[in-house]
Amino acid sequence: MELFPTPTNPVPSEAVCGRIQTRDGVGLRFARFAPIVTPRRGTVCLFTGRAEQIEKYFETVENLRQRGFAVAMLDWRGQGGSDRLLKNPRKGFVRSFDDYELDIETFVREVVYPDCPPPFFALAHSMGGTILIRAAKRGRRWFERTVAVSPMIQIRLKRGRLARGAAQFFRSAGLGGLYVPGGKPTDMLSRPFEVNRLTSDAARYARNAEIARTYPRLGLGSPTIAWVDAAFRVTEEFADPAYPSSLRHPLLLVSAGNDQIVATPEADRFALRLLGGAGLVIPGARHEILQERDTVREQFWAAFDAFVPGSRA
């Protein structure tokens, strides 16, 4: 197992990369990075969103190391350098979000606890935040605090109810392995910057597009019907008004004011109901806050620094 650099995105120093296997036989790529300043403040486990890979977050890894944190990462099953789940490796597929929770369980047991300094914190983007919030609801106590960036509380769709019913119907008909209607094997980063919905920072978008272009086997195309159905099932859980107040975990939700991928109003309402957490909306930010222009990222890091580390709630 290895990590893959580009001229504008070098591998952070002293990286350790390897492979672990879940109990259902899926191989996962992981990486860990030691802190580069003192005092040392523990470990941040950094979790990506759908269709992303470890390489996309090298800059964020350095931001965390400069704060005194070690960093540990994995590629979710079905994407990045981990095992793909269908014959067509470009299809974004998962049976259930329970399987992603198994990925974390394996990662924490085999990488984080044995080889990373405590205390342990989590920073998760989009789908990663969804997985971490759901794990916290189920009583998983892997991390002291969790920061969820642009969390997928609800997918932003004009005809969400119709799409939900269609995904459920076609999956029940045995078509879960097909792309969603209009889906393609091409990476979202293959689109021109001017029409992208992810970030307003042209340089960072170009950097990430270069990763996708140079190492196409790390990339992923559109989601399958099964992935969308699984995602809808989770966001339906989040729609329960009592869900946020039942969480007993320190949680910060940082949402993008101009998010065109997930629904910021629903994430903000979710955050308002948290008993042990809070929410922040960054005006003007697009979905990928950690890949945004510096003025947006500075607001994020100010919120992160105020929340992590902190006293145990």
C-alpha atoms as a PDB file:
ATOM      1  CA  MET A   1       0.000   0.000   0.000  1.00  0.00           C
ATOM      2  CA  GLU A   2       1.190   3.506  -0.797  1.00  0.00           C
ATOM      3  CA  LEU A   3       0.131   7.133  -1.048  1.00  0.00           C
ATOM      4  CA  PHE A   4       0.210   9.010  -4.334  1.00  0.00           C
ATOM      5  CA  PRO A   5       1.635  12.541  -4.713  1.00  0.00           C
ATOM      6  CA  THR A   6       1.286  15.148  -7.430  1.00  0.00           C
ATOM      7  CA  PRO A   7       3.543  18.189  -7.946  1.00  0.00           C
ATOM      8  CA  THR A   8       1.048  20.434  -6.134  1.00  0.00           C
ATOM      9  CA  ASN A   9       0.073  17.849  -3.515  1.00  0.00           C
ATOM     10  CA  PRO A  10       3.110  16.133  -1.935  1.00  0.00           C
ATOM     11  CA  VAL A  11       2.728  13.314   0.574  1.00  0.00           C
ATOM     12  CA  PRO A  12       3.182  14.655   4.132  1.00  0.00           C
ATOM     13  CA  SER A  13       6.438  13.656   5.809  1.00  0.00           C
ATOM     14  CA  GLU A  14       6.771  10.509   7.907  1.00  0.00           C
ATOM     15  CA  ALA A  15       3.599   8.976   6.519  1.00  0.00           C
ATOM     16  CA  VAL A  16       2.772   5.355   7.326  1.00  0.00           C
ATOM     17  CA  CYS A  17       0.383   3.630   4.933  1.00  0.00           C
ATOM     18  CA  GLY A  18      -1.001   0.117   5.051  1.00  0.00           C
ATOM     19  CA  ARG A  19      -3.941  -2.221   4.676  1.00  0.00           C
ATOM     20  CA  ILE A  20      -6.354  -3.718   7.172  1.00  0.00           C
ATOM     21  CA  GLN A  21      -9.217  -6.129   6.669  1.00  0.00           C
ATOM     22  CA  THR A  22     -12.725  -5.982   8.108  1.00  0.00           C
ATOM     23  CA  ARG A  23     -14.388  -9.074   9.503  1.00  0.00           C
ATOM     24  CA  ASP A  24     -16.549  -9.304   6.362  1.00  0.00           C
ATOM     25  CA  GLY A  25     -13.389  -9.535   4.255  1.00  0.00           C
ATOM     26  CA  VAL A  26     -13.083  -6.014   2.805  1.00  0.00           C
ATOM     27  CA  GLY A  27      -9.567  -4.580   2.535  1.00  0.00           C
ATOM     28  CA  LEU A  28      -9.180  -0.953   3.611  1.00  0.00           C
ATOM     29  CA  ARG A  29      -6.279   1.407   2.946  1.00  0.00           C
ATOM     30  CA  PHE A  30      -5.205   3.527   5.925  1.00  0.00           C
ATOM     31  CA  ALA A  31      -2.597   6.181   6.611  1.00  0.00           C
ATOM     32  CA  ARG A  32      -1.278   7.837   9.749  1.00  0.00           C
ATOM     33  CA  PHE A  33       0.897  10.879  10.295  1.00  0.00           C
ATOM     34  CA  ALA A  34       2.817  11.996  13.397  1.00  0.00           C
ATOM     35  CA  PRO A  35       2.477  15.532  14.796  1.00  0.00           C
ATOM     36  CA  ILE A  36       5.232  17.978  13.831  1.00  0.00           C
ATOM     37  CA  VAL A  37       5.040  20.487  16.696  1.00  0.00           C
ATOM     38  CA  THR A  38       4.753  20.371  20.465  1.00  0.00           C
ATOM     39  CA  PRO A  39       2.865  20.220  22.717  1.00  0.00           C
ATOM     40  CA  ARG A  40       1.274  17.088  21.321  1.00  0.00           C
ATOM     41  CA  ARG A  41      -2.488  17.132  21.667  1.00  0.00           C
ATOM     42  CA  GLY A  42      -3.633  13.650  20.697  1.00  0.00           C
ATOM     43  CA  THR A  43      -4.950  12.268  17.416  1.00  0.00           C
ATOM     44  CA  VAL A  44      -7.553  13.525  14.960  1.00  0.00           C
ATOM     45  CA  CYS A  45      -9.140  10.776  12.878  1.00  0.00           C
ATOM     46  CA  LEU A  46     -10.013  12.416   9.565  1.00  0.00           C
ATOM     47  CA  PHE A  47     -12.891  10.862   7.608  1.00  0.00           C
ATOM     48  CA  THR A  48     -13.626  11.700   3.972  1.00  0.00           C
ATOM     49  CA  GLY A  49     -16.896  12.024   2.095  1.00  0.00           C
ATOM     50  CA  ARG A  50     -18.297   9.916  -0.723  1.00  0.00           C
ATOM     51  CA  ALA A  51     -16.001   9.410  -3.721  1.00  0.00           C
ATOM     52  CA  GLU A  52     -12.989  10.946  -1.957  1.00  0.00           C
ATOM     53  CA  GLN A  53      -9.591   9.550  -1.030  1.00  0.00           C
ATOM     54  CA  ILE A  54      -6.831  10.154   1.521  1.00  0.00           C
ATOM     55  CA  GLU A  55      -4.732  12.171  -0.954  1.00  0.00           C
ATOM     56  CA  LYS A  56      -7.378  14.886  -1.227  1.00  0.00           C
ATOM     57  CA  TYR A  57      -6.794  15.831   2.416  1.00  0.00           C
ATOM     58  CA  PHE A  58      -2.999  16.180   2.560  1.00  0.00           C
ATOM     59  CA  GLU A  59      -3.360  19.930   3.177  1.00  0.00           C
ATOM     60  CA  THR A  60      -5.806  19.311   6.032  1.00  0.00           C
ATOM     61  CA  VAL A  61      -3.435  16.702   7.458  1.00  0.00           C
ATOM     62  CA  GLU A  62      -0.694  19.336   7.575  1.00  0.00           C
ATOM     63  CA  ASN A  63      -3.051  21.871   9.171  1.00  0.00           C
ATOM     64  CA  LEU A  64      -3.766  19.374  11.951  1.00  0.00           C
ATOM     65  CA  ARG A  65      -0.138  18.312  12.425  1.00  0.00           C
ATOM     66  CA  GLN A  66       0.847  21.956  12.807  1.00  0.00           C
ATOM     67  CA  ARG A  67      -1.638  22.129  15.667  1.00  0.00           C
ATOM     68  CA  GLY A  68       0.135  19.309  17.469  1.00  0.00           C
ATOM     69  CA  PHE A  69      -2.147  16.471  16.420  1.00  0.00           C
ATOM     70  CA  ALA A  70      -1.294  13.116  14.958  1.00  0.00           C
ATOM     71  CA  VAL A  71      -3.662  12.249  12.105  1.00  0.00           C
ATOM     72  CA  ALA A  72      -5.139   8.909  11.090  1.00  0.00           C
ATOM     73  CA  MET A  73      -7.220   8.252   7.962  1.00  0.00           C
ATOM     74  CA  LEU A  74      -8.863   5.458   6.028  1.00  0.00           C
ATOM     75  CA  ASP A  75     -10.466   5.080   2.624  1.00  0.00           C
ATOM     76  CA  TRP A  76     -14.037   3.852   2.997  1.00  0.00           C
ATOM     77  CA  ARG A  77     -14.902   0.527   1.406  1.00  0.00           C
ATOM     78  CA  GLY A  78     -15.663   0.948  -2.275  1.00  0.00           C
ATOM     79  CA  GLN A  79     -13.533   4.038  -2.859  1.00  0.00           C
ATOM     80  CA  GLY A  80     -10.006   5.445  -2.827  1.00  0.00           C
ATOM     81  CA  GLY A  81      -7.370   2.765  -2.346  1.00  0.00           C
ATOM     82  CA  SER A  82      -9.713   0.346  -0.548  1.00  0.00           C
ATOM     83  CA  ASP A  83     -11.405  -2.688  -2.091  1.00  0.00           C
ATOM     84  CA  ARG A  84     -14.138  -1.946  -4.602  1.00  0.00           C
ATOM     85  CA  LEU A  85     -17.408  -3.783  -4.086  1.00  0.00           C
ATOM     86  CA  LEU A  86     -18.622  -4.295  -7.674  1.00  0.00           C
ATOM     87  CA  LYS A  87     -16.974  -5.533 -10.861  1.00  0.00           C
ATOM     88  CA  ASN A  88     -17.133  -2.001 -12.211  1.00  0.00           C
ATOM     89  CA  PRO A  89     -14.770  -0.122  -9.848  1.00  0.00           C
ATOM     90  CA  ARG A  90     -16.206   3.268 -10.846  1.00  0.00           C
ATOM     91  CA  LYS A  91     -19.598   2.586  -9.309  1.00  0.00           C
ATOM     92  CA  GLY A  92     -20.215   4.029  -5.849  1.00  0.00           C
ATOM     93  CA  PHE A  93     -21.875   1.198  -3.937  1.00  0.00           C
ATOM     94  CA  VAL A  94     -22.684   0.137  -0.410  1.00  0.00           C
ATOM     95  CA  ARG A  95     -25.284  -2.271   0.950  1.00  0.00           C
ATOM     96  CA  SER A  96     -25.939  -0.325   4.135  1.00  0.00           C
ATOM     97  CA  PHE A  97     -24.309   2.452   6.130  1.00  0.00           C
ATOM     98  CA  ASP A  98     -23.851  -0.190   8.829  1.00  0.00           C
ATOM     99  CA  ASP A  99     -20.962  -1.431   6.689  1.00  0.00           C
ATOM    100  CA  TYR A 100     -19.183   1.920   6.972  1.00  0.00           C
ATOM    101  CA  GLU A 101     -19.489   1.649  10.737  1.00  0.00           C
ATOM    102  CA  LEU A 102     -17.695  -1.685  10.516  1.00  0.00           C
ATOM    103  CA  ASP A 103     -14.912   0.117   8.615  1.00  0.00           C
ATOM    104  CA  ILE A 104     -14.474   2.550  11.512  1.00  0.00           C
ATOM    105  CA  GLU A 105     -14.578  -0.206  14.106  1.00  0.00           C
ATOM    106  CA  THR A 106     -11.788  -2.073  12.301  1.00  0.00           C
ATOM    107  CA  PHE A 107      -9.756   1.086  11.753  1.00  0.00           C
ATOM    108  CA  VAL A 108      -9.973   2.160  15.402  1.00  0.00           C
ATOM    109  CA  ARG A 109      -9.134  -1.295  16.724  1.00  0.00           C
ATOM    110  CA  GLU A 110      -6.220  -2.025  14.391  1.00  0.00           C
ATOM    111  CA  VAL A 111      -4.706   1.400  13.654  1.00  0.00           C
ATOM    112  CA  VAL A 112      -5.839   4.116  16.056  1.00  0.00           C
ATOM    113  CA  TYR A 113      -5.741   2.440  19.462  1.00  0.00           C
ATOM    114  CA  PRO A 114      -2.451   0.541  18.956  1.00  0.00           C
ATOM    115  CA  ASP A 115      -0.407   3.196  17.136  1.00  0.00           C
ATOM    116  CA  CYS A 116      -1.832   6.684  17.738  1.00  0.00           C
ATOM    117  CA  PRO A 117      -1.530   8.916  20.820  1.00  0.00           C
ATOM    118  CA  PRO A 118      -4.678   9.701  22.823  1.00  0.00           C
ATOM    119  CA  PRO A 119      -6.986  11.516  23.307  1.00  0.00           C
ATOM    120  CA  PHE A 120      -8.866  10.778  20.090  1.00  0.00           C
ATOM    121  CA  PHE A 121     -10.996  13.253  18.144  1.00  0.00           C
ATOM    122  CA  ALA A 122     -12.878  12.956  14.845  1.00  0.00           C
ATOM    123  CA  LEU A 123     -13.143  15.359  11.902  1.00  0.00           C
ATOM    124  CA  ALA A 124     -15.487  14.165   9.170  1.00  0.00           C
ATOM    125  CA  HIS A 125     -16.728  15.579   5.870  1.00  0.00           C
ATOM    126  CA  SER A 126     -20.220  15.116   4.388  1.00  0.00           C
ATOM    127  CA  MET A 127     -20.971  11.360   4.289  1.00  0.00           C
ATOM    128  CA  GLY A 128     -18.228  10.837   6.872  1.00  0.00           C
ATOM    129  CA  GLY A 129     -20.125  13.086   9.258  1.00  0.00           C
ATOM    130  CA  THR A 130     -23.301  11.107   8.669  1.00  0.00           C
ATOM    131  CA  ILE A 131     -21.534   7.879   9.586  1.00  0.00           C
ATOM    132  CA  LEU A 132     -19.991   9.371  12.750  1.00  0.00           C
ATOM    133  CA  ILE A 133     -23.252  10.925  13.954  1.00  0.00           C
ATOM    134  CA  ARG A 134     -25.062   7.639  13.465  1.00  0.00           C
ATOM    135  CA  ALA A 135     -22.337   5.740  15.320  1.00  0.00           C
ATOM    136  CA  ALA A 136     -22.607   8.194  18.227  1.00  0.00           C
ATOM    137  CA  LYS A 137     -26.356   7.599  18.357  1.00  0.00           C
ATOM    138  CA  ARG A 138     -25.645   3.896  18.707  1.00  0.00           C
ATOM    139  CA  GLY A 139     -23.417   4.508  21.700  1.00  0.00           C
ATOM    140  CA  ARG A 140     -20.014   4.197  20.037  1.00  0.00           C
ATOM    141  CA  ARG A 141     -17.509   6.001  22.247  1.00  0.00           C
ATOM    142  CA  TRP A 142     -14.430   6.016  20.060  1.00  0.00           C
ATOM    143  CA  PHE A 143     -13.835   9.775  20.128  1.00  0.00           C
ATOM    144  CA  GLU A 144     -13.807  12.551  22.727  1.00  0.00           C
ATOM    145  CA  ARG A 145     -15.356  15.062  20.336  1.00  0.00           C
ATOM    146  CA  THR A 146     -16.524  15.078  16.722  1.00  0.00           C
ATOM    147  CA  VAL A 147     -16.558  17.886  14.161  1.00  0.00           C
ATOM    148  CA  ALA A 148     -18.828  17.184  11.186  1.00  0.00           C
ATOM    149  CA  VAL A 149     -18.232  19.440   8.163  1.00  0.00           C
ATOM    150  CA  SER A 150     -21.113  19.862   5.680  1.00  0.00           C
ATOM    151  CA  PRO A 151     -22.807  16.847   7.271  1.00  0.00           C
ATOM    152  CA  MET A 152     -25.233  14.906   5.106  1.00  0.00           C
ATOM    153  CA  ILE A 153     -28.294  15.345   7.308  1.00  0.00           C
ATOM    154  CA  GLN A 154     -30.438  15.588   4.200  1.00  0.00           C
ATOM    155  CA  ILE A 155     -29.466  15.306   0.535  1.00  0.00           C
ATOM    156  CA  ARG A 156     -30.395  18.407  -1.424  1.00  0.00           C
ATOM    157  CA  LEU A 157     -32.878  17.371  -4.125  1.00  0.00           C
ATOM    158  CA  LYS A 158     -35.841  19.150  -5.720  1.00  0.00           C
ATOM    159  CA  ARG A 159     -37.951  15.987  -5.786  1.00  0.00           C
ATOM    160  CA  GLY A 160     -36.550  14.192  -2.777  1.00  0.00           C
ATOM    161  CA  ARG A 161     -39.644  12.181  -1.924  1.00  0.00           C
ATOM    162  CA  LEU A 162     -40.022  10.944  -5.499  1.00  0.00           C
ATOM    163  CA  ALA A 163     -36.323  10.057  -5.674  1.00  0.00           C
ATOM    164  CA  ARG A 164     -36.564   8.187  -2.368  1.00  0.00           C
ATOM    165  CA  GLY A 165     -39.483   6.098  -3.595  1.00  0.00           C
ATOM    166  CA  ALA A 166     -37.800   5.385  -6.929  1.00  0.00           C
ATOM    167  CA  ALA A 167     -34.548   4.265  -5.281  1.00  0.00           C
ATOM    168  CA  GLN A 168     -36.429   1.920  -2.960  1.00  0.00           C
ATOM    169  CA  PHE A 169     -38.499   0.482  -5.820  1.00  0.00           C
ATOM    170  CA  PHE A 170     -35.615  -0.135  -8.219  1.00  0.00           C
ATOM    171  CA  ARG A 171     -33.427  -1.624  -5.504  1.00  0.00           C
ATOM    172  CA  SER A 172     -36.202  -4.011  -4.465  1.00  0.00           C
ATOM    173  CA  ALA A 173     -36.390  -5.025  -8.135  1.00  0.00           C
ATOM    174  CA  GLY A 174     -32.749  -6.127  -7.999  1.00  0.00           C
ATOM    175  CA  LEU A 175     -31.296  -3.097  -9.780  1.00  0.00           C
ATOM    176  CA  GLY A 176     -29.266  -1.687  -6.891  1.00  0.00           C
ATOM    177  CA  GLY A 177     -25.982  -2.135  -8.735  1.00  0.00           C
ATOM    178  CA  LEU A 178     -26.965   0.252 -11.529  1.00  0.00           C
ATOM    179  CA  TYR A 179     -25.922   3.885 -11.632  1.00  0.00           C
ATOM    180  CA  VAL A 180     -28.609   6.349 -10.607  1.00  0.00           C
ATOM    181  CA  PRO A 181     -30.443   7.745 -13.662  1.00  0.00           C
ATOM    182  CA  GLY A 182     -28.024   9.982 -15.525  1.00  0.00           C
ATOM    183  CA  GLY A 183     -25.082   8.575 -13.573  1.00  0.00           C
ATOM    184  CA  LYS A 184     -21.669   8.330 -15.192  1.00  0.00           C
ATOM    185  CA  PRO A 185     -18.295   6.696 -14.491  1.00  0.00           C
ATOM    186  CA  THR A 186     -16.556  10.086 -14.641  1.00  0.00           C
ATOM    187  CA  ASP A 187     -15.371  11.842 -11.501  1.00  0.00           C
ATOM    188  CA  MET A 188     -17.144  15.064 -10.461  1.00  0.00           C
ATOM    189  CA  LEU A 189     -13.737  16.743 -10.633  1.00  0.00           C
ATOM    190  CA  SER A 190     -13.634  16.220 -14.393  1.00  0.00           C
ATOM    191  CA  ARG A 191     -16.043  19.139 -14.789  1.00  0.00           C
ATOM    192  CA  PRO A 192     -14.743  22.648 -15.520  1.00  0.00           C
ATOM    193  CA  PHE A 193     -14.191  24.753 -12.412  1.00  0.00           C
ATOM    194  CA  GLU A 194     -16.779  27.297 -13.574  1.00  0.00           C
ATOM    195  CA  VAL A 195     -19.640  24.792 -13.255  1.00  0.00           C
ATOM    196  CA  ASN A 196     -18.463  22.898 -10.167  1.00  0.00           C
ATOM    197  CA  ARG A 197     -20.633  22.875  -7.041  1.00  0.00           C
ATOM    198  CA  LEU A 198     -17.917  21.887  -4.574  1.00  0.00           C
ATOM    199  CA  THR A 199     -15.642  24.876  -3.922  1.00  0.00           C
ATOM    200  CA  SER A 200     -15.093  28.485  -4.928  1.00  0.00           C
ATOM    201  CA  ASP A 201     -11.295  28.079  -4.740  1.00  0.00           C
ATOM    202  CA  ALA A 202      -9.922  27.533  -8.255  1.00  0.00           C
ATOM    203  CA  ALA A 203      -6.433  26.483  -7.135  1.00  0.00           C
ATOM    204  CA  ARG A 204      -7.615  23.823  -4.712  1.00  0.00           C
ATOM    205  CA  TYR A 205     -10.146  22.549  -7.238  1.00  0.00           C
ATOM    206  CA  ALA A 206      -7.357  22.226  -9.830  1.00  0.00           C
ATOM    207  CA  ARG A 207      -5.164  20.418  -7.288  1.00  0.00           C
ATOM    208  CA  ASN A 208      -7.891  17.872  -6.563  1.00  0.00           C
ATOM    209  CA  ALA A 209      -8.717  17.472 -10.242  1.00  0.00           C
ATOM    210  CA  GLU A 210      -5.044  16.705 -10.884  1.00  0.00           C
ATOM    211  CA  ILE A 211      -5.197  13.863  -8.344  1.00  0.00           C
ATOM    212  CA  ALA A 212      -8.251  12.412 -10.100  1.00  0.00           C
ATOM    213  CA  ARG A 213      -6.633  12.789 -13.527  1.00  0.00           C
ATOM    214  CA  THR A 214      -3.218  11.388 -12.528  1.00  0.00           C
ATOM    215  CA  TYR A 215      -4.525   8.467 -10.478  1.00  0.00           C
ATOM    216  CA  PRO A 216      -7.913   7.536 -11.981  1.00  0.00           C
ATOM    217  CA  ARG A 217      -8.049   4.264 -10.033  1.00  0.00           C
ATOM    218  CA  LEU A 218      -8.447   6.279  -6.822  1.00  0.00           C
ATOM    219  CA  GLY A 219     -11.530   8.047  -8.205  1.00  0.00           C
ATOM    220  CA  LEU A 220     -15.186   7.137  -8.337  1.00  0.00           C
ATOM    221  CA  GLY A 221     -18.125   7.926 -10.580  1.00  0.00           C
ATOM    222  CA  SER A 222     -21.756   8.469  -9.734  1.00  0.00           C
ATOM    223  CA  PRO A 223     -23.480   6.571  -6.932  1.00  0.00           C
ATOM    224  CA  THR A 224     -25.517   3.465  -7.552  1.00  0.00           C
ATOM    225  CA  ILE A 225     -29.187   3.052  -6.737  1.00  0.00           C
ATOM    226  CA  ALA A 226     -28.194   0.919  -3.718  1.00  0.00           C
ATOM    227  CA  TRP A 227     -25.942   3.673  -2.304  1.00  0.00           C
ATOM    228  CA  VAL A 228     -28.670   6.293  -2.733  1.00  0.00           C
ATOM    229  CA  ASP A 229     -31.256   4.022  -1.112  1.00  0.00           C
ATOM    230  CA  ALA A 230     -28.919   3.390   1.833  1.00  0.00           C
ATOM    231  CA  ALA A 231     -28.285   7.136   2.177  1.00  0.00           C
ATOM    232  CA  PHE A 232     -31.990   7.927   2.148  1.00  0.00           C
ATOM    233  CA  ARG A 233     -32.609   5.368   4.883  1.00  0.00           C
ATOM    234  CA  VAL A 234     -30.087   7.131   7.128  1.00  0.00           C
ATOM    235  CA  THR A 235     -31.351  10.644   6.437  1.00  0.00           C
ATOM    236  CA  GLU A 236     -34.868   9.456   7.253  1.00  0.00           C
ATOM    237  CA  GLU A 237     -33.561   8.497  10.692  1.00  0.00           C
ATOM    238  CA  PHE A 238     -32.155  12.017  11.105  1.00  0.00           C
ATOM    239  CA  ALA A 239     -35.556  13.530  10.244  1.00  0.00           C
ATOM    240  CA  ASP A 240     -36.952  12.372  13.593  1.00  0.00           C
ATOM    241  CA  PRO A 241     -37.154  15.595  15.695  1.00  0.00           C
ATOM    242  CA  ALA A 242     -36.059  13.647  18.774  1.00  0.00           C
ATOM    243  CA  TYR A 243     -32.916  12.283  17.155  1.00  0.00           C
ATOM    244  CA  PRO A 244     -30.506  15.183  17.886  1.00  0.00           C
ATOM    245  CA  SER A 245     -31.507  15.525  21.543  1.00  0.00           C
ATOM    246  CA  SER A 246     -30.891  11.814  22.080  1.00  0.00           C
ATOM    247  CA  LEU A 247     -27.203  12.139  21.188  1.00  0.00           C
ATOM    248  CA  ARG A 248     -24.869  12.037  24.188  1.00  0.00           C
ATOM    249  CA  HIS A 249     -21.690  13.065  22.441  1.00  0.00           C
ATOM    250  CA  PRO A 250     -19.936  16.458  22.057  1.00  0.00           C
ATOM    251  CA  LEU A 251     -20.617  17.367  18.443  1.00  0.00           C
ATOM    252  CA  LEU A 252     -19.967  20.447  16.289  1.00  0.00           C
ATOM    253  CA  LEU A 253     -21.721  20.741  12.923  1.00  0.00           C
ATOM    254  CA  VAL A 254     -20.125  23.217  10.495  1.00  0.00           C
ATOM    255  CA  SER A 255     -22.299  23.818   7.441  1.00  0.00           C
ATOM    256  CA  ALA A 256     -21.830  25.723   4.184  1.00  0.00           C
ATOM    257  CA  GLY A 257     -24.090  28.675   3.468  1.00  0.00           C
ATOM    258  CA  ASN A 258     -24.039  27.988  -0.286  1.00  0.00           C
ATOM    259  CA  ASP A 259     -24.145  24.191  -0.224  1.00  0.00           C
ATOM    260  CA  GLN A 260     -25.638  22.648  -3.368  1.00  0.00           C
ATOM    261  CA  ILE A 261     -25.012  19.037  -2.375  1.00  0.00           C
ATOM    262  CA  VAL A 262     -26.593  18.670   1.073  1.00  0.00           C
ATOM    263  CA  ALA A 263     -29.328  20.752   2.721  1.00  0.00           C
ATOM    264  CA  THR A 264     -27.877  23.326   5.099  1.00  0.00           C
ATOM    265  CA  PRO A 265     -31.215  24.400   6.685  1.00  0.00           C
ATOM    266  CA  GLU A 266     -31.892  20.843   7.844  1.00  0.00           C
ATOM    267  CA  ALA A 267     -28.367  20.525   9.260  1.00  0.00           C
ATOM    268  CA  ASP A 268     -28.774  23.838  11.081  1.00  0.00           C
ATOM    269  CA  ARG A 269     -32.094  22.753  12.605  1.00  0.00           C
ATOM    270  CA  PHE A 270     -30.520  19.454  13.612  1.00  0.00           C
ATOM    271  CA  ALA A 271     -27.691  21.324  15.353  1.00  0.00           C
ATOM    272  CA  LEU A 272     -30.122  23.561  17.254  1.00  0.00           C
ATOM    273  CA  ARG A 273     -31.661  20.477  18.892  1.00  0.00           C
ATOM    274  CA  LEU A 274     -28.348  19.054  20.094  1.00  0.00           C
ATOM    275  CA  LEU A 275     -27.970  18.965  23.872  1.00  0.00           C
ATOM    276  CA  GLY A 276     -24.215  18.379  23.840  1.00  0.00           C
ATOM    277  CA  GLY A 277     -23.222  20.203  20.700  1.00  0.00           C
ATOM    278  CA  ALA A 278     -23.591  23.243  18.484  1.00  0.00           C
ATOM    279  CA  GLY A 279     -23.811  24.348  14.881  1.00  0.00           C
ATOM    280  CA  LEU A 280     -22.164  26.964  12.698  1.00  0.00           C
ATOM    281  CA  VAL A 281     -23.045  28.078   9.167  1.00  0.00           C
ATOM    282  CA  ILE A 282     -20.244  29.757   7.175  1.00  0.00           C
ATOM    283  CA  PRO A 283     -21.848  32.278   4.782  1.00  0.00           C
ATOM    284  CA  GLY A 284     -20.935  31.907   1.132  1.00  0.00           C
ATOM    285  CA  ALA A 285     -19.094  28.608   1.567  1.00  0.00           C
ATOM    286  CA  ARG A 286     -19.721  25.747  -0.817  1.00  0.00           C
ATOM    287  CA  HIS A 287     -19.934  22.089   0.136  1.00  0.00           C
ATOM    288  CA  GLU A 288     -16.230  21.293   0.504  1.00  0.00           C
ATOM    289  CA  ILE A 289     -15.369  23.714   3.303  1.00  0.00           C
ATOM    290  CA  LEU A 290     -11.937  22.149   3.876  1.00  0.00           C
ATOM    291  CA  GLN A 291     -11.156  22.692   0.172  1.00  0.00           C
ATOM    292  CA  GLU A 292     -12.484  26.257   0.126  1.00  0.00           C
ATOM    293  CA  ARG A 293     -10.766  29.647  -0.202  1.00  0.00           C
ATOM    294  CA  ASP A 294      -8.722  30.839   2.762  1.00  0.00           C
ATOM    295  CA  THR A 295     -11.336  33.247   4.170  1.00  0.00           C
ATOM    296  CA  VAL A 296     -13.762  30.327   4.560  1.00  0.00           C
ATOM    297  CA  ARG A 297     -11.159  27.947   5.913  1.00  0.00           C
ATOM    298  CA  GLU A 298     -10.021  30.471   8.510  1.00  0.00           C
ATOM    299  CA  GLN A 299     -13.559  30.598   9.907  1.00  0.00           C
ATOM    300  CA  PHE A 300     -13.667  26.826  10.034  1.00  0.00           C
ATOM    301  CA  TRP A 301     -10.320  26.507  11.820  1.00  0.00           C
ATOM    302  CA  ALA A 302     -11.308  29.160  14.361  1.00  0.00           C
ATOM    303  CA  ALA A 303     -14.380  27.075  15.230  1.00  0.00           C
ATOM    304  CA  PHE A 304     -12.348  23.866  15.291  1.00  0.00           C
ATOM    305  CA  ASP A 305      -9.725  25.356  17.607  1.00  0.00           C
ATOM    306  CA  ALA A 306     -12.424  26.553  20.008  1.00  0.00           C
ATOM    307  CA  PHE A 307     -14.036  23.112  20.144  1.00  0.00           C
ATOM    308  CA  VAL A 308     -11.113  20.654  19.979  1.00  0.00           C
ATOM    309  CA  PRO A 309      -9.688  19.753  22.334  1.00  0.00           C
ATOM    310  CA  GLY A 310     -12.002  20.719  25.125  1.00  0.00           C
ATOM    311  CA  SER A 311     -13.258  19.539  28.470  1.00  0.00           C
ATOM    312  CA  ARG A 312     -15.151  16.279  28.458  1.00  0.00           C
ATOM    313  CA  ALA A 313     -18.893  16.965  28.266  1.00  0.00           C
END
